[in-house]
Amino acid sequence: MSYLDVNNLSFKYQEKPIFDGAEMRLFEGEHMVIVGPNGSGKTTLLKRYS
């Protein structure tokens, strides 16, 4: 059983797609790392959906 499920997550900034159709699953006790270049939406993902 998963602790967190995210399906079909999309986000645009000024009509520019930052991520589209993102999916992730986190199980209790697991750790997740989000990596990507500057401007790829890492902070937006955490602020918007936390």
N, C-alpha and C. Protein backbone atom coordinates (compact mmCIF):
# COMPACT_ATOMS: atom_id res chain seq x y z
N MET A 1 0.85 -1.18 0.00
CA MET A 1 0.00 0.00 0.00
C MET A 1 0.90 1.24 0.00
N SER A 2 0.62 2.19 -0.89
CA SER A 2 1.45 3.38 -0.98
C SER A 2 1.02 4.43 0.04
N TYR A 3 1.98 5.26 0.42
CA TYR A 3 1.78 6.34 1.37
C TYR A 3 1.30 7.59 0.64
N LEU A 4 1.79 7.78 -0.58
CA LEU A 4 1.43 8.93 -1.41
C LEU A 4 1.39 8.50 -2.86
N ASP A 5 0.30 8.81 -3.55
CA ASP A 5 0.16 8.54 -4.98
C ASP A 5 -0.15 9.85 -5.70
N VAL A 6 0.59 10.15 -6.74
CA VAL A 6 0.33 11.31 -7.59
C VAL A 6 0.20 10.79 -9.01
N ASN A 7 -0.90 11.13 -9.66
CA ASN A 7 -1.16 10.66 -11.02
C ASN A 7 -1.56 11.83 -11.90
N ASN A 8 -0.98 11.87 -13.10
CA ASN A 8 -1.35 12.83 -14.14
C ASN A 8 -1.25 14.29 -13.65
N LEU A 9 -0.16 14.63 -13.00
CA LEU A 9 0.07 15.97 -12.47
C LEU A 9 0.67 16.84 -13.56
N SER A 10 0.06 18.01 -13.79
CA SER A 10 0.54 18.93 -14.82
C SER A 10 0.60 20.33 -14.24
N PHE A 11 1.54 21.15 -14.75
CA PHE A 11 1.66 22.53 -14.31
C PHE A 11 2.25 23.37 -15.43
N LYS A 12 1.65 24.55 -15.67
CA LYS A 12 2.15 25.49 -16.67
C LYS A 12 2.51 26.79 -15.97
N TYR A 13 3.54 27.45 -16.46
CA TYR A 13 3.92 28.78 -15.97
C TYR A 13 3.96 29.70 -17.17
N GLN A 14 3.09 30.69 -17.18
CA GLN A 14 2.95 31.61 -18.31
C GLN A 14 2.79 30.83 -19.63
N GLU A 15 1.90 29.87 -19.61
CA GLU A 15 1.57 29.01 -20.76
C GLU A 15 2.69 28.07 -21.19
N LYS A 16 3.81 28.07 -20.47
CA LYS A 16 4.90 27.13 -20.78
C LYS A 16 4.74 25.91 -19.89
N PRO A 17 4.57 24.72 -20.48
CA PRO A 17 4.46 23.51 -19.66
C PRO A 17 5.76 23.27 -18.87
N ILE A 18 5.63 23.14 -17.56
CA ILE A 18 6.78 22.85 -16.70
C ILE A 18 6.88 21.34 -16.51
N PHE A 19 5.75 20.71 -16.18
CA PHE A 19 5.68 19.26 -16.20
C PHE A 19 4.27 18.87 -16.61
N ASP A 20 4.15 17.72 -17.25
CA ASP A 20 2.87 17.31 -17.80
C ASP A 20 2.72 15.80 -17.66
N GLY A 21 1.69 15.38 -16.98
CA GLY A 21 1.42 13.96 -16.82
C GLY A 21 2.37 13.26 -15.85
N ALA A 22 2.93 14.01 -14.91
CA ALA A 22 3.87 13.41 -13.96
C ALA A 22 3.16 12.42 -13.04
N GLU A 23 3.85 11.35 -12.72
CA GLU A 23 3.33 10.35 -11.80
C GLU A 23 4.42 9.95 -10.82
N MET A 24 4.05 9.73 -9.59
CA MET A 24 5.00 9.23 -8.59
C MET A 24 4.25 8.50 -7.50
N ARG A 25 4.93 7.59 -6.89
CA ARG A 25 4.36 6.80 -5.78
C ARG A 25 5.43 6.68 -4.71
N LEU A 26 5.05 6.98 -3.50
CA LEU A 26 5.97 6.92 -2.37
C LEU A 26 5.38 5.98 -1.32
N PHE A 27 6.21 5.07 -0.87
CA PHE A 27 5.77 4.13 0.14
C PHE A 27 6.33 4.55 1.50
N GLU A 28 5.63 4.21 2.55
CA GLU A 28 6.05 4.56 3.90
C GLU A 28 7.49 4.09 4.14
N GLY A 29 8.31 4.98 4.70
CA GLY A 29 9.70 4.66 5.00
C GLY A 29 10.66 4.94 3.85
N GLU A 30 10.13 5.25 2.67
CA GLU A 30 10.99 5.55 1.52
C GLU A 30 11.35 7.03 1.50
N HIS A 31 12.42 7.34 0.77
CA HIS A 31 12.83 8.71 0.54
C HIS A 31 12.77 8.98 -0.95
N MET A 32 12.48 10.23 -1.31
CA MET A 32 12.42 10.60 -2.71
C MET A 32 13.31 11.81 -2.93
N VAL A 33 14.00 11.83 -4.04
CA VAL A 33 14.82 12.96 -4.44
C VAL A 33 14.29 13.47 -5.76
N ILE A 34 14.10 14.78 -5.85
CA ILE A 34 13.65 15.39 -7.09
C ILE A 34 14.83 16.19 -7.65
N VAL A 35 15.29 15.84 -8.82
CA VAL A 35 16.44 16.51 -9.43
C VAL A 35 16.06 17.07 -10.79
N GLY A 36 16.72 18.13 -11.18
CA GLY A 36 16.49 18.73 -12.49
C GLY A 36 17.20 20.06 -12.57
N PRO A 37 17.30 20.59 -13.76
CA PRO A 37 17.97 21.88 -13.94
C PRO A 37 17.15 23.03 -13.37
N ASN A 38 17.79 24.19 -13.26
CA ASN A 38 17.08 25.40 -12.82
C ASN A 38 15.89 25.65 -13.73
N GLY A 39 14.77 26.01 -13.12
CA GLY A 39 13.58 26.32 -13.90
C GLY A 39 12.76 25.13 -14.34
N SER A 40 13.08 23.96 -13.82
CA SER A 40 12.34 22.77 -14.27
C SER A 40 11.11 22.47 -13.43
N GLY A 41 10.86 23.25 -12.35
CA GLY A 41 9.64 23.09 -11.57
C GLY A 41 9.79 22.35 -10.25
N LYS A 42 11.00 22.11 -9.77
CA LYS A 42 11.20 21.36 -8.52
C LYS A 42 10.57 22.09 -7.33
N THR A 43 10.90 23.35 -7.15
CA THR A 43 10.36 24.13 -6.04
C THR A 43 8.87 24.34 -6.19
N THR A 44 8.43 24.60 -7.42
CA THR A 44 7.00 24.77 -7.69
C THR A 44 6.22 23.53 -7.29
N LEU A 45 6.74 22.38 -7.61
CA LEU A 45 6.09 21.12 -7.24
C LEU A 45 5.92 21.03 -5.73
N LEU A 46 6.97 21.35 -4.99
CA LEU A 46 6.91 21.23 -3.53
C LEU A 46 6.01 22.30 -2.92
N LYS A 47 6.07 23.51 -3.38
CA LYS A 47 5.23 24.59 -2.83
C LYS A 47 3.77 24.40 -3.18
N ARG A 48 3.52 24.02 -4.40
CA ARG A 48 2.14 23.95 -4.90
C ARG A 48 1.36 22.77 -4.32
N TYR A 49 2.03 21.67 -4.08
CA TYR A 49 1.33 20.44 -3.72
C TYR A 49 1.74 19.89 -2.36
N SER A 50 2.28 20.73 -1.49
CA SER A 50 2.63 20.24 -0.15
C SER A 50 1.62 20.72 0.86
